[in-house]
Amino acid sequence: MPEPSDELDADVMPNATQVVASAVAEANGPEGEVLDWLTVGWQTVEDSVRRLRQRIFMASREGDLEKVRNLQKLILRSRANALLSVRRVTDVNAGRKTAGVDGVVVKDPIGKTGLAEQVQHQTASTTGRPVRRVFIPKRGSTKQRPIGIPVIVDRCRQAAVVNTPGPK
């Protein structure tokens, strides 16, 4: 047993700035920390996005358009929104196995994590890649209609924007 002393060791008890920094990192999504797709708490992620959407709705209802705009920027940059949009596109969506013009389909957890990081950190307006044109049969007819299939990154960005409500 070590001798008790009047001073606490730095590695036993972190100072106040370390405690505050770690609390902020946990609340906002730790920068630089590797995310494990398989251990994500999806209920927490969905709750976080839902709370941000409710805050946008309330600010819009109050007529505070500056607050609405700031909250929209916040939700577009949030890790929770990026994770949720990637999950919807790569896990939930029926077209998750369909590749765009780049031929990329994300199936493994490492690829999904990288895609979420890319969606979260590229918030600047970027030009979308060309879509792949596919013809599918019309219902009850022999004719076909065209649909465009975007690349996976563009689908995830679209899903992230769909999660962001606008002012009413």
N, C-alpha and C. Protein backbone atom coordinates (compact mmCIF):
# COMPACT_ATOMS: atom_id res chain seq x y z
N MET A 1 0.85 -1.19 0.00
CA MET A 1 0.00 0.00 0.00
C MET A 1 0.88 1.24 0.00
N PRO A 2 0.60 2.19 -0.89
CA PRO A 2 1.36 3.42 -0.90
C PRO A 2 0.98 4.28 0.30
N GLU A 3 1.93 5.08 0.71
CA GLU A 3 1.70 6.00 1.82
C GLU A 3 0.72 7.10 1.41
N PRO A 4 -0.27 7.42 2.23
CA PRO A 4 -1.16 8.54 1.89
C PRO A 4 -0.39 9.85 2.01
N SER A 5 -0.69 10.76 1.10
CA SER A 5 -0.05 12.08 1.15
C SER A 5 -1.11 13.16 1.02
N ASP A 6 -0.67 14.39 1.22
CA ASP A 6 -1.60 15.51 1.15
C ASP A 6 -1.93 15.89 -0.30
N GLU A 7 -1.07 15.53 -1.24
CA GLU A 7 -1.28 15.89 -2.63
C GLU A 7 -1.75 14.65 -3.40
N LEU A 8 -2.66 14.89 -4.32
CA LEU A 8 -3.13 13.80 -5.15
C LEU A 8 -2.26 13.71 -6.39
N ASP A 9 -1.98 12.50 -6.82
CA ASP A 9 -1.21 12.31 -8.04
C ASP A 9 -2.04 12.73 -9.24
N ALA A 10 -1.37 13.23 -10.26
CA ALA A 10 -2.07 13.70 -11.45
C ALA A 10 -2.74 12.56 -12.20
N ASP A 11 -2.12 11.37 -12.18
CA ASP A 11 -2.73 10.26 -12.91
C ASP A 11 -3.88 9.63 -12.13
N VAL A 12 -3.94 9.85 -10.80
CA VAL A 12 -5.03 9.33 -10.00
C VAL A 12 -6.23 10.26 -10.08
N MET A 13 -5.99 11.57 -9.94
CA MET A 13 -7.07 12.55 -9.97
C MET A 13 -6.72 13.63 -10.99
N PRO A 14 -7.40 13.66 -12.14
CA PRO A 14 -7.08 14.67 -13.13
C PRO A 14 -7.47 16.06 -12.65
N ASN A 15 -6.78 17.07 -13.21
CA ASN A 15 -7.12 18.42 -12.80
C ASN A 15 -8.43 18.85 -13.46
N ALA A 16 -8.92 20.02 -13.10
CA ALA A 16 -10.24 20.46 -13.53
C ALA A 16 -10.34 20.61 -15.04
N THR A 17 -9.27 21.07 -15.69
CA THR A 17 -9.35 21.26 -17.14
C THR A 17 -9.45 19.92 -17.87
N GLN A 18 -8.80 18.88 -17.33
CA GLN A 18 -8.91 17.57 -17.96
C GLN A 18 -10.32 17.02 -17.81
N VAL A 19 -10.94 17.25 -16.66
CA VAL A 19 -12.29 16.76 -16.42
C VAL A 19 -13.26 17.47 -17.35
N VAL A 20 -13.14 18.80 -17.47
CA VAL A 20 -14.03 19.56 -18.33
C VAL A 20 -13.83 19.17 -19.79
N ALA A 21 -12.58 19.02 -20.22
CA ALA A 21 -12.30 18.65 -21.61
C ALA A 21 -12.87 17.28 -21.95
N SER A 22 -12.77 16.33 -21.02
CA SER A 22 -13.31 15.01 -21.31
C SER A 22 -14.83 15.04 -21.34
N ALA A 23 -15.45 15.85 -20.50
CA ALA A 23 -16.91 15.95 -20.52
C ALA A 23 -17.39 16.57 -21.82
N VAL A 24 -16.68 17.58 -22.31
CA VAL A 24 -17.06 18.20 -23.57
C VAL A 24 -16.87 17.23 -24.71
N ALA A 25 -15.79 16.49 -24.71
CA ALA A 25 -15.52 15.53 -25.79
C ALA A 25 -16.60 14.46 -25.83
N GLU A 26 -17.06 13.99 -24.68
CA GLU A 26 -18.09 12.98 -24.66
C GLU A 26 -19.41 13.53 -25.15
N ALA A 27 -19.73 14.78 -24.80
CA ALA A 27 -21.01 15.36 -25.19
C ALA A 27 -21.07 15.67 -26.67
N ASN A 28 -19.96 16.11 -27.25
CA ASN A 28 -19.97 16.53 -28.65
C ASN A 28 -19.43 15.47 -29.59
N GLY A 29 -19.04 14.36 -29.12
CA GLY A 29 -18.42 13.35 -29.97
C GLY A 29 -16.93 13.58 -30.00
N PRO A 30 -16.16 12.68 -29.45
CA PRO A 30 -14.72 12.90 -29.31
C PRO A 30 -14.02 13.01 -30.66
N GLU A 31 -13.25 14.05 -30.83
CA GLU A 31 -12.48 14.25 -32.05
C GLU A 31 -11.25 13.36 -32.01
N GLY A 32 -10.96 12.72 -33.09
CA GLY A 32 -9.75 11.92 -33.19
C GLY A 32 -9.87 10.54 -32.57
N GLU A 33 -10.90 10.30 -31.78
CA GLU A 33 -11.08 8.99 -31.17
C GLU A 33 -11.75 8.06 -32.18
N VAL A 34 -11.27 6.86 -32.27
CA VAL A 34 -11.81 5.90 -33.23
C VAL A 34 -13.17 5.42 -32.75
N LEU A 35 -14.13 5.47 -33.63
CA LEU A 35 -15.49 5.08 -33.31
C LEU A 35 -15.68 3.62 -33.69
N ASP A 36 -16.29 2.85 -32.81
CA ASP A 36 -16.59 1.45 -33.09
C ASP A 36 -18.07 1.35 -33.47
N TRP A 37 -18.34 1.04 -34.71
CA TRP A 37 -19.70 1.01 -35.24
C TRP A 37 -20.58 0.02 -34.48
N LEU A 38 -20.00 -1.09 -34.06
CA LEU A 38 -20.78 -2.15 -33.43
C LEU A 38 -21.19 -1.81 -32.00
N THR A 39 -20.55 -0.83 -31.37
CA THR A 39 -20.88 -0.50 -29.99
C THR A 39 -21.63 0.83 -29.86
N VAL A 40 -22.11 1.38 -30.96
CA VAL A 40 -22.85 2.64 -30.91
C VAL A 40 -24.19 2.41 -30.24
N GLY A 41 -24.56 3.29 -29.31
CA GLY A 41 -25.87 3.23 -28.66
C GLY A 41 -26.88 3.95 -29.54
N TRP A 42 -27.61 3.20 -30.36
CA TRP A 42 -28.48 3.82 -31.36
C TRP A 42 -29.63 4.58 -30.74
N GLN A 43 -30.11 4.13 -29.59
CA GLN A 43 -31.20 4.86 -28.94
C GLN A 43 -30.72 6.24 -28.51
N THR A 44 -29.50 6.33 -28.00
CA THR A 44 -28.92 7.61 -27.60
C THR A 44 -28.73 8.52 -28.81
N VAL A 45 -28.27 7.96 -29.92
CA VAL A 45 -28.06 8.73 -31.14
C VAL A 45 -29.40 9.28 -31.64
N GLU A 46 -30.42 8.42 -31.69
CA GLU A 46 -31.73 8.87 -32.16
C GLU A 46 -32.33 9.91 -31.23
N ASP A 47 -32.13 9.74 -29.92
CA ASP A 47 -32.63 10.73 -28.96
C ASP A 47 -31.95 12.08 -29.15
N SER A 48 -30.66 12.06 -29.42
CA SER A 48 -29.92 13.30 -29.62
C SER A 48 -30.42 14.05 -30.85
N VAL A 49 -30.62 13.34 -31.95
CA VAL A 49 -31.13 13.97 -33.17
C VAL A 49 -32.56 14.46 -32.95
N ARG A 50 -33.37 13.67 -32.26
CA ARG A 50 -34.75 14.07 -31.98
C ARG A 50 -34.80 15.34 -31.14
N ARG A 51 -33.93 15.45 -30.13
CA ARG A 51 -33.90 16.66 -29.30
C ARG A 51 -33.51 17.88 -30.11
N LEU A 52 -32.52 17.73 -31.00
CA LEU A 52 -32.13 18.86 -31.86
C LEU A 52 -33.28 19.26 -32.79
N ARG A 53 -33.98 18.29 -33.33
CA ARG A 53 -35.12 18.59 -34.20
C ARG A 53 -36.21 19.32 -33.42
N GLN A 54 -36.44 18.92 -32.19
CA GLN A 54 -37.45 19.58 -31.36
C GLN A 54 -37.03 21.01 -31.03
N ARG A 55 -35.74 21.21 -30.78
CA ARG A 55 -35.25 22.57 -30.51
C ARG A 55 -35.42 23.46 -31.73
N ILE A 56 -35.18 22.92 -32.93
CA ILE A 56 -35.38 23.69 -34.15
C ILE A 56 -36.85 24.03 -34.31
N PHE A 57 -37.72 23.07 -34.06
CA PHE A 57 -39.15 23.30 -34.18
C PHE A 57 -39.62 24.39 -33.22
N MET A 58 -39.16 24.32 -31.97
CA MET A 58 -39.58 25.32 -30.97
C MET A 58 -39.07 26.71 -31.33
N ALA A 59 -37.82 26.81 -31.79
CA ALA A 59 -37.28 28.11 -32.19
C ALA A 59 -38.03 28.66 -33.39
N SER A 60 -38.42 27.79 -34.30
CA SER A 60 -39.19 28.21 -35.46
C SER A 60 -40.57 28.69 -35.03
N ARG A 61 -41.15 27.99 -34.10
CA ARG A 61 -42.48 28.36 -33.59
C ARG A 61 -42.46 29.71 -32.88
N GLU A 62 -41.33 29.99 -32.20
CA GLU A 62 -41.17 31.28 -31.51
C GLU A 62 -40.79 32.40 -32.46
N GLY A 63 -40.44 32.06 -33.69
CA GLY A 63 -40.07 33.07 -34.68
C GLY A 63 -38.63 33.52 -34.60
N ASP A 64 -37.80 32.78 -33.88
CA ASP A 64 -36.38 33.13 -33.74
C ASP A 64 -35.58 32.47 -34.86
N LEU A 65 -35.56 33.14 -36.02
CA LEU A 65 -34.93 32.54 -37.20
C LEU A 65 -33.42 32.43 -37.08
N GLU A 66 -32.79 33.33 -36.32
CA GLU A 66 -31.33 33.22 -36.11
C GLU A 66 -31.00 31.95 -35.33
N LYS A 67 -31.80 31.67 -34.32
CA LYS A 67 -31.59 30.45 -33.53
C LYS A 67 -31.87 29.21 -34.38
N VAL A 68 -32.89 29.29 -35.22
CA VAL A 68 -33.21 28.17 -36.12
C VAL A 68 -32.01 27.87 -37.01
N ARG A 69 -31.45 28.92 -37.61
CA ARG A 69 -30.31 28.74 -38.52
C ARG A 69 -29.11 28.15 -37.79
N ASN A 70 -28.83 28.64 -36.59
CA ASN A 70 -27.69 28.12 -35.82
C ASN A 70 -27.91 26.66 -35.43
N LEU A 71 -29.13 26.31 -35.06
CA LEU A 71 -29.42 24.91 -34.71
C LEU A 71 -29.35 24.01 -35.94
N GLN A 72 -29.75 24.52 -37.10
CA GLN A 72 -29.63 23.74 -38.32
C GLN A 72 -28.18 23.46 -38.64
N LYS A 73 -27.32 24.46 -38.47
CA LYS A 73 -25.88 24.24 -38.68
C LYS A 73 -25.35 23.21 -37.70
N LEU A 74 -25.83 23.30 -36.46
CA LEU A 74 -25.38 22.37 -35.43
C LEU A 74 -25.77 20.93 -35.77
N ILE A 75 -26.99 20.71 -36.19
CA ILE A 75 -27.43 19.35 -36.49
C ILE A 75 -26.73 18.81 -37.73
N LEU A 76 -26.41 19.68 -38.70
CA LEU A 76 -25.69 19.20 -39.89
C LEU A 76 -24.26 18.80 -39.57
N ARG A 77 -23.67 19.39 -38.53
CA ARG A 77 -22.30 19.05 -38.15
C ARG A 77 -22.22 18.00 -37.04
N SER A 78 -23.36 17.60 -36.51
CA SER A 78 -23.34 16.71 -35.35
C SER A 78 -22.97 15.28 -35.75
N ARG A 79 -22.28 14.63 -34.85
CA ARG A 79 -21.89 13.24 -35.08
C ARG A 79 -23.11 12.32 -35.07
N ALA A 80 -24.06 12.63 -34.19
CA ALA A 80 -25.25 11.79 -34.09
C ALA A 80 -26.03 11.79 -35.40
N ASN A 81 -26.17 12.95 -36.03
CA ASN A 81 -26.88 13.02 -37.30
C ASN A 81 -26.13 12.27 -38.39
N ALA A 82 -24.81 12.39 -38.40
CA ALA A 82 -24.01 11.67 -39.39
C ALA A 82 -24.15 10.16 -39.20
N LEU A 83 -24.07 9.70 -37.96
CA LEU A 83 -24.22 8.26 -37.69
C LEU A 83 -25.60 7.76 -38.10
N LEU A 84 -26.62 8.53 -37.75
CA LEU A 84 -27.98 8.11 -38.07
C LEU A 84 -28.23 8.08 -39.57
N SER A 85 -27.70 9.06 -40.29
CA SER A 85 -27.91 9.08 -41.74
C SER A 85 -27.17 7.93 -42.42
N VAL A 86 -25.96 7.62 -41.97
CA VAL A 86 -25.22 6.49 -42.53
C VAL A 86 -25.93 5.18 -42.21
N ARG A 87 -26.45 5.06 -41.01
CA ARG A 87 -27.16 3.84 -40.64
C ARG A 87 -28.40 3.65 -41.51
N ARG A 88 -29.15 4.73 -41.75
CA ARG A 88 -30.35 4.62 -42.57
C ARG A 88 -30.01 4.21 -44.00
N VAL A 89 -28.93 4.76 -44.54
CA VAL A 89 -28.57 4.47 -45.93
C VAL A 89 -27.94 3.09 -46.07
N THR A 90 -27.11 2.67 -45.12
CA THR A 90 -26.36 1.43 -45.28
C THR A 90 -26.98 0.21 -44.58
N ASP A 91 -27.87 0.42 -43.61
CA ASP A 91 -28.46 -0.70 -42.88
C ASP A 91 -29.96 -0.84 -43.11
N VAL A 92 -30.68 0.26 -43.09
CA VAL A 92 -32.14 0.22 -43.08
C VAL A 92 -32.73 0.27 -44.49
N ASN A 93 -32.16 1.08 -45.37
CA ASN A 93 -32.71 1.32 -46.69
C ASN A 93 -32.70 0.06 -47.55
N ALA A 94 -33.76 -0.12 -48.32
CA ALA A 94 -33.86 -1.29 -49.20
C ALA A 94 -32.81 -1.26 -50.31
N GLY A 95 -32.35 -0.08 -50.71
CA GLY A 95 -31.36 0.03 -51.77
C GLY A 95 -29.93 0.06 -51.28
N ARG A 96 -29.69 -0.48 -50.10
CA ARG A 96 -28.35 -0.42 -49.49
C ARG A 96 -27.31 -1.21 -50.25
N LYS A 97 -27.74 -2.18 -51.05
CA LYS A 97 -26.80 -3.01 -51.80
C LYS A 97 -26.57 -2.50 -53.22
N THR A 98 -27.20 -1.37 -53.57
CA THR A 98 -27.10 -0.82 -54.91
C THR A 98 -26.00 0.23 -54.95
N ALA A 99 -25.06 0.05 -55.85
CA ALA A 99 -23.94 0.99 -55.97
C ALA A 99 -24.30 2.11 -56.93
N GLY A 100 -23.64 3.25 -56.75
CA GLY A 100 -23.78 4.37 -57.67
C GLY A 100 -22.76 4.23 -58.79
N VAL A 101 -22.42 5.35 -59.44
CA VAL A 101 -21.46 5.30 -60.55
C VAL A 101 -20.07 4.90 -60.08
N ASP A 102 -19.75 5.16 -58.81
CA ASP A 102 -18.41 4.82 -58.32
C ASP A 102 -18.28 3.34 -57.98
N GLY A 103 -19.39 2.61 -57.93
CA GLY A 103 -19.35 1.18 -57.66
C GLY A 103 -19.12 0.82 -56.20
N VAL A 104 -19.26 1.78 -55.30
CA VAL A 104 -18.97 1.54 -53.88
C VAL A 104 -20.26 1.15 -53.15
N VAL A 105 -20.19 0.05 -52.41
CA VAL A 105 -21.24 -0.38 -51.50
C VAL A 105 -20.57 -0.60 -50.16
N VAL A 106 -21.08 0.04 -49.11
CA VAL A 106 -20.46 -0.07 -47.79
C VAL A 106 -21.22 -1.12 -46.99
N LYS A 107 -20.51 -2.20 -46.61
CA LYS A 107 -21.13 -3.29 -45.86
C LYS A 107 -20.48 -3.51 -44.50
N ASP A 108 -19.18 -3.25 -44.38
CA ASP A 108 -18.48 -3.57 -43.14
C ASP A 108 -18.50 -2.39 -42.17
N PRO A 109 -18.37 -2.66 -40.87
CA PRO A 109 -18.42 -1.60 -39.86
C PRO A 109 -17.32 -0.54 -40.03
N ILE A 110 -16.15 -0.94 -40.50
CA ILE A 110 -15.07 0.04 -40.68
C ILE A 110 -15.43 1.02 -41.79
N GLY A 111 -16.00 0.54 -42.87
CA GLY A 111 -16.42 1.41 -43.95
C GLY A 111 -17.54 2.35 -43.52
N LYS A 112 -18.47 1.85 -42.70
CA LYS A 112 -19.57 2.69 -42.21
C LYS A 112 -19.05 3.78 -41.29
N THR A 113 -18.06 3.44 -40.46
CA THR A 113 -17.46 4.44 -39.58
C THR A 113 -16.76 5.52 -40.39
N GLY A 114 -16.00 5.12 -41.39
CA GLY A 114 -15.32 6.09 -42.24
C GLY A 114 -16.30 6.98 -43.00
N LEU A 115 -17.40 6.39 -43.45
CA LEU A 115 -18.42 7.15 -44.15
C LEU A 115 -19.08 8.18 -43.22
N ALA A 116 -19.32 7.78 -41.98
CA ALA A 116 -19.91 8.72 -41.01
C ALA A 116 -18.96 9.88 -40.73
N GLU A 117 -17.66 9.59 -40.60
CA GLU A 117 -16.68 10.66 -40.40
C GLU A 117 -16.66 11.60 -41.59
N GLN A 118 -16.73 11.05 -42.78
CA GLN A 118 -16.71 11.86 -44.00
C GLN A 118 -17.95 12.76 -44.07
N VAL A 119 -19.11 12.22 -43.75
CA VAL A 119 -20.34 13.00 -43.78
C VAL A 119 -20.31 14.09 -42.72
N GLN A 120 -19.78 13.79 -41.55
CA GLN A 120 -19.75 14.77 -40.47
C GLN A 120 -18.79 15.91 -40.76
N HIS A 121 -17.63 15.63 -41.32
CA HIS A 121 -16.60 16.65 -41.45
C HIS A 121 -16.61 17.38 -42.78
N GLN A 122 -17.37 16.94 -43.75
CA GLN A 122 -17.46 17.66 -45.01
C GLN A 122 -18.80 18.37 -45.09
N THR A 123 -18.94 19.44 -44.28
CA THR A 123 -20.19 20.16 -44.26
C THR A 123 -20.23 21.28 -45.28
N ALA A 124 -19.08 21.61 -45.88
CA ALA A 124 -19.07 22.65 -46.91
C ALA A 124 -19.86 22.15 -48.12
N SER A 125 -20.46 23.10 -48.82
CA SER A 125 -21.26 22.69 -49.97
C SER A 125 -20.35 22.10 -51.04
N THR A 126 -20.63 20.88 -51.40
CA THR A 126 -19.86 20.21 -52.43
C THR A 126 -20.79 19.81 -53.56
N THR A 127 -20.26 19.72 -54.73
CA THR A 127 -21.06 19.30 -55.86
C THR A 127 -21.22 17.79 -55.82
N GLY A 128 -22.44 17.34 -55.98
CA GLY A 128 -22.70 15.90 -55.95
C GLY A 128 -22.13 15.21 -57.18
N ARG A 129 -21.82 13.96 -57.01
CA ARG A 129 -21.32 13.15 -58.13
C ARG A 129 -22.47 12.82 -59.06
N PRO A 130 -22.16 12.44 -60.30
CA PRO A 130 -23.23 12.07 -61.23
C PRO A 130 -23.98 10.82 -60.74
N VAL A 131 -25.23 10.74 -61.11
CA VAL A 131 -26.03 9.59 -60.70
C VAL A 131 -25.97 8.51 -61.77
N ARG A 132 -26.18 7.28 -61.34
CA ARG A 132 -26.24 6.17 -62.29
C ARG A 132 -27.68 6.00 -62.75
N ARG A 133 -27.89 6.02 -64.04
CA ARG A 133 -29.23 5.94 -64.60
C ARG A 133 -29.59 4.47 -64.82
N VAL A 134 -30.70 4.06 -64.21
CA VAL A 134 -31.18 2.69 -64.33
C VAL A 134 -32.64 2.75 -64.75
N PHE A 135 -33.04 1.86 -65.61
CA PHE A 135 -34.44 1.80 -66.05
C PHE A 135 -35.12 0.64 -65.35
N ILE A 136 -36.26 0.95 -64.72
CA ILE A 136 -37.03 -0.08 -64.03
C ILE A 136 -38.41 -0.15 -64.67
N PRO A 137 -39.05 -1.30 -64.63
CA PRO A 137 -40.37 -1.42 -65.27
C PRO A 137 -41.44 -0.66 -64.49
N LYS A 138 -42.35 -0.04 -65.25
CA LYS A 138 -43.49 0.62 -64.64
C LYS A 138 -44.49 -0.44 -64.18
N ARG A 139 -45.25 -0.13 -63.16
CA ARG A 139 -46.22 -1.07 -62.65
C ARG A 139 -47.39 -1.21 -63.64
N GLY A 140 -47.73 -2.41 -63.95
CA GLY A 140 -48.87 -2.67 -64.82
C GLY A 140 -48.64 -2.31 -66.27
N SER A 141 -47.38 -2.21 -66.69
CA SER A 141 -47.10 -1.83 -68.07
C SER A 141 -45.79 -2.48 -68.50
N THR A 142 -45.58 -2.51 -69.80
CA THR A 142 -44.32 -3.04 -70.30
C THR A 142 -43.28 -1.94 -70.48
N LYS A 143 -43.70 -0.69 -70.27
CA LYS A 143 -42.78 0.44 -70.41
C LYS A 143 -41.84 0.48 -69.21
N GLN A 144 -40.75 1.22 -69.40
CA GLN A 144 -39.79 1.38 -68.30
C GLN A 144 -39.62 2.86 -68.00
N ARG A 145 -39.27 3.12 -66.74
CA ARG A 145 -39.02 4.50 -66.35
C ARG A 145 -37.62 4.62 -65.78
N PRO A 146 -36.98 5.78 -65.96
CA PRO A 146 -35.62 5.95 -65.47
C PRO A 146 -35.59 6.39 -64.01
N ILE A 147 -34.62 5.90 -63.27
CA ILE A 147 -34.34 6.44 -61.93
C ILE A 147 -32.83 6.70 -61.86
N GLY A 148 -32.46 7.66 -61.04
CA GLY A 148 -31.06 7.97 -60.83
C GLY A 148 -30.61 7.46 -59.48
N ILE A 149 -29.51 6.76 -59.43
CA ILE A 149 -28.98 6.22 -58.18
C ILE A 149 -27.72 7.00 -57.83
N PRO A 150 -27.77 7.83 -56.77
CA PRO A 150 -26.58 8.59 -56.38
C PRO A 150 -25.53 7.70 -55.73
N VAL A 151 -24.31 8.20 -55.62
CA VAL A 151 -23.25 7.48 -54.92
C VAL A 151 -23.59 7.47 -53.43
N ILE A 152 -22.96 6.58 -52.68
CA ILE A 152 -23.31 6.35 -51.28
C ILE A 152 -23.09 7.59 -50.41
N VAL A 153 -22.03 8.35 -50.69
CA VAL A 153 -21.75 9.55 -49.89
C VAL A 153 -22.85 10.58 -50.08
N ASP A 154 -23.29 10.76 -51.31
CA ASP A 154 -24.37 11.71 -51.57
C ASP A 154 -25.68 11.27 -50.94
N ARG A 155 -25.94 9.96 -50.92
CA ARG A 155 -27.15 9.46 -50.26
C ARG A 155 -27.11 9.76 -48.77
N CYS A 156 -25.94 9.59 -48.16
CA CYS A 156 -25.80 9.87 -46.73
C CYS A 156 -25.96 11.35 -46.44
N ARG A 157 -25.39 12.19 -47.29
CA ARG A 157 -25.55 13.65 -47.10
C ARG A 157 -27.01 14.06 -47.25
N GLN A 158 -27.70 13.47 -48.21
CA GLN A 158 -29.12 13.77 -48.37
C GLN A 158 -29.91 13.34 -47.14
N ALA A 159 -29.59 12.19 -46.57
CA ALA A 159 -30.28 11.72 -45.38
C ALA A 159 -30.00 12.65 -44.20
N ALA A 160 -28.77 13.19 -44.11
CA ALA A 160 -28.44 14.11 -43.03
C ALA A 160 -29.24 15.41 -43.16
N VAL A 161 -29.43 15.88 -44.38
CA VAL A 161 -30.19 17.10 -44.61
C VAL A 161 -31.68 16.86 -44.34
N VAL A 162 -32.17 15.67 -44.67
CA VAL A 162 -33.58 15.35 -44.40
C VAL A 162 -33.87 15.40 -42.91
N ASN A 163 -32.89 15.04 -42.08
CA ASN A 163 -33.06 15.10 -40.62
C ASN A 163 -33.12 16.52 -40.10
N THR A 164 -32.78 17.50 -40.93
CA THR A 164 -32.73 18.89 -40.48
C THR A 164 -34.00 19.60 -40.92
N PRO A 165 -34.91 19.85 -39.97
CA PRO A 165 -36.15 20.54 -40.36
C PRO A 165 -35.90 22.02 -40.64
N GLY A 166 -36.74 22.59 -41.46
CA GLY A 166 -36.65 24.00 -41.78
C GLY A 166 -37.67 24.80 -41.01
N PRO A 167 -37.60 26.13 -41.10
CA PRO A 167 -38.61 26.95 -40.40
C PRO A 167 -39.98 26.76 -41.02
N LYS A 168 -40.98 26.76 -40.19
CA LYS A 168 -42.36 26.55 -40.67
C LYS A 168 -43.02 27.88 -40.94
